[in-house]
C-alpha atoms as a PDB file:
ATOM      1  CA  MET A   1     124.684  58.939  87.303  1.00  0.00           C
ATOM      2  CA  PHE A   2     121.748  59.662  89.169  1.00  0.00           C
ATOM      3  CA  LEU A   3     123.665  60.641  92.259  1.00  0.00           C
ATOM      4  CA  GLU A   4     126.026  62.983  90.325  1.00  0.00           C
ATOM      5  CA  ALA A   5     122.902  64.671  88.953  1.00  0.00           C
ATOM      6  CA  ILE A   6     121.586  65.089  92.494  1.00  0.00           C
ATOM      7  CA  HIS A   7     124.852  66.675  93.515  1.00  0.00           C
ATOM      8  CA  ILE A   8     124.396  69.246  90.828  1.00  0.00           C
ATOM      9  CA  ILE A   9     120.724  69.938  91.083  1.00  0.00           C
ATOM     10  CA  LEU A  10     120.396  70.092  94.647  1.00  0.00           C
ATOM     11  CA  PRO A  11     123.073  72.971  95.311  1.00  0.00           C
ATOM     12  CA  VAL A  12     121.170  74.924  92.621  1.00  0.00           C
ATOM     13  CA  PHE A  13     117.854  74.726  94.609  1.00  0.00           C
ATOM     14  CA  ILE A  14     119.838  75.729  97.743  1.00  0.00           C
ATOM     15  CA  ILE A  15     121.193  78.894  95.937  1.00  0.00           C
ATOM     16  CA  LEU A  16     117.782  79.748  94.494  1.00  0.00           C
ATOM     17  CA  ALA A  17     115.942  79.206  97.968  1.00  0.00           C
ATOM     18  CA  ALA A  18     118.466  81.553  99.618  1.00  0.00           C
ATOM     19  CA  ILE A  19     118.171  84.167  96.896  1.00  0.00           C
ATOM     20  CA  ILE A  20     114.261  83.824  96.988  1.00  0.00           C
ATOM     21  CA  ALA A  21     114.598  84.254 100.850  1.00  0.00           C
ATOM     22  CA  ILE A  22     116.471  87.425 100.314  1.00  0.00           C
ATOM     23  CA  LEU A  23     114.303  89.016  97.502  1.00  0.00           C
ATOM     24  CA  LEU A  24     110.957  88.441  99.269  1.00  0.00           C
ATOM     25  CA  LYS A  25     109.259  91.383 100.947  1.00  0.00           C
ATOM     26  CA  ASP A  26     107.139  89.502 103.332  1.00  0.00           C
ATOM     27  CA  LEU A  27     109.046  88.245 106.407  1.00  0.00           C
ATOM     28  CA  LEU A  28     107.117  85.110 107.020  1.00  0.00           C
ATOM     29  CA  ALA A  29     107.492  83.980 103.525  1.00  0.00           C
ATOM     30  CA  SER A  30     111.162  84.740 103.703  1.00  0.00           C
ATOM     31  CA  VAL A  31     111.451  82.568 106.794  1.00  0.00           C
ATOM     32  CA  ILE A  32     109.665  79.731 104.964  1.00  0.00           C
ATOM     33  CA  ALA A  33     112.143  79.952 102.002  1.00  0.00           C
ATOM     34  CA  LEU A  34     114.792  80.077 104.617  1.00  0.00           C
ATOM     35  CA  ALA A  35     113.553  76.800 106.253  1.00  0.00           C
ATOM     36  CA  ALA A  36     113.158  75.302 102.728  1.00  0.00           C
ATOM     37  CA  MET A  37     116.947  76.130 102.152  1.00  0.00           C
ATOM     38  CA  SER A  38     117.841  74.669 105.371  1.00  0.00           C
ATOM     39  CA  LEU A  39     116.099  71.501 104.721  1.00  0.00           C
ATOM     40  CA  LEU A  40     117.768  70.997 101.206  1.00  0.00           C
ATOM     41  CA  LEU A  41     121.181  71.550 102.743  1.00  0.00           C
ATOM     42  CA  SER A  42     120.373  68.792 105.461  1.00  0.00           C
ATOM     43  CA  LEU A  43     119.498  66.497 102.704  1.00  0.00           C
ATOM     44  CA  GLU A  44     122.795  67.549 100.795  1.00  0.00           C
ATOM     45  CA  PHE A  45     124.602  66.545 103.984  1.00  0.00           C
ATOM     46  CA  PHE A  46     122.817  63.321 104.182  1.00  0.00           C
ATOM     47  CA  ILE A  47     123.553  62.475 100.664  1.00  0.00           C
ATOM     48  CA  LEU A  48     127.338  63.306 101.568  1.00  0.00           C
ATOM     49  CA  HIS A  49     127.144  60.674 104.218  1.00  0.00           C
ATOM     50  CA  ALA A  50     127.191  63.020 107.190  1.00  0.00           C
ATOM     51  CA  PRO A  51     123.762  61.923 108.907  1.00  0.00           C
ATOM     52  CA  ASP A  52     124.991  63.521 112.136  1.00  0.00           C
ATOM     53  CA  VAL A  53     125.433  66.843 110.647  1.00  0.00           C
ATOM     54  CA  ALA A  54     122.264  66.382 108.590  1.00  0.00           C
ATOM     55  CA  ILE A  55     120.055  65.751 111.643  1.00  0.00           C
ATOM     56  CA  ALA A  56     121.664  68.923 113.320  1.00  0.00           C
ATOM     57  CA  GLU A  57     120.889  71.092 110.464  1.00  0.00           C
ATOM     58  CA  ALA A  58     117.497  69.869 110.161  1.00  0.00           C
ATOM     59  CA  ALA A  59     116.836  70.151 113.785  1.00  0.00           C
ATOM     60  CA  VAL A  60     118.372  73.558 114.275  1.00  0.00           C
ATOM     61  CA  GLY A  61     118.233  75.297 111.011  1.00  0.00           C
ATOM     62  CA  ALA A  62     115.077  74.059 109.782  1.00  0.00           C
ATOM     63  CA  CYS A  63     112.932  73.757 112.780  1.00  0.00           C
ATOM     64  CA  LEU A  64     114.355  75.701 116.019  1.00  0.00           C
ATOM     65  CA  THR A  65     115.319  78.692 113.958  1.00  0.00           C
ATOM     66  CA  THR A  66     112.223  78.909 111.981  1.00  0.00           C
ATOM     67  CA  ALA A  67     110.121  78.764 115.071  1.00  0.00           C
ATOM     68  CA  ILE A  68     112.262  81.544 116.876  1.00  0.00           C
ATOM     69  CA  PHE A  69     111.801  83.734 113.538  1.00  0.00           C
ATOM     70  CA  ILE A  70     108.263  83.062 113.366  1.00  0.00           C
ATOM     71  CA  LEU A  71     107.709  84.009 117.129  1.00  0.00           C
ATOM     72  CA  ALA A  72     109.762  87.145 116.631  1.00  0.00           C
ATOM     73  CA  ILE A  73     107.697  88.114 113.616  1.00  0.00           C
ATOM     74  CA  LYS A  74     104.572  87.598 115.486  1.00  0.00           C
ATOM     75  CA  ALA A  75     105.765  89.624 118.230  1.00  0.00           C
ATOM     76  CA  THR A  76     106.234  92.853 116.245  1.00  0.00           C
ATOM     77  CA  LYS A  77     103.893  95.031 114.648  1.00  0.00           C
ATOM     78  CA  ARG A  78     103.895  95.542 110.915  1.00  0.00           C
ATOM     79  CA  ASN A  79     104.219  99.097 109.415  1.00  0.00           C
ATOM     80  CA  GLU A  80     101.240  98.240 107.096  1.00  0.00           C
ATOM     81  CA  GLU A  81      98.905  97.824 110.081  1.00  0.00           C
ATOM     82  CA  GLU A  82      99.523 101.322 111.118  1.00  0.00           C
ATOM     83  CA  VAL A  83      98.703 103.052 107.909  1.00  0.00           C
END
C-alpha cells in the first residue's frame, strides 16, 4: 500500500519539478529545480530496483550536469547587469 502510494506521488513531484524548472525565469533557480527533478528520478529508479541506474542518474544528472550548468551560468553576463 505504501509503496503503491510512493509510485503515484513520486512521478507527480518529478513532473512538477520539471515544470517549475521550465517556468522559472532565473537560470540558477531553474538549474536547482532540474537537479531536484534528477534526484527524485534517481529515487524512483532505486524504488524500481535499479540501483545502478539510480547511482548513474544521481551522479551524472544531479551532480555533474548541475555543476556544468552553474559554471556556464557564472561564466556568462546577465542582461540585467548591463541596464
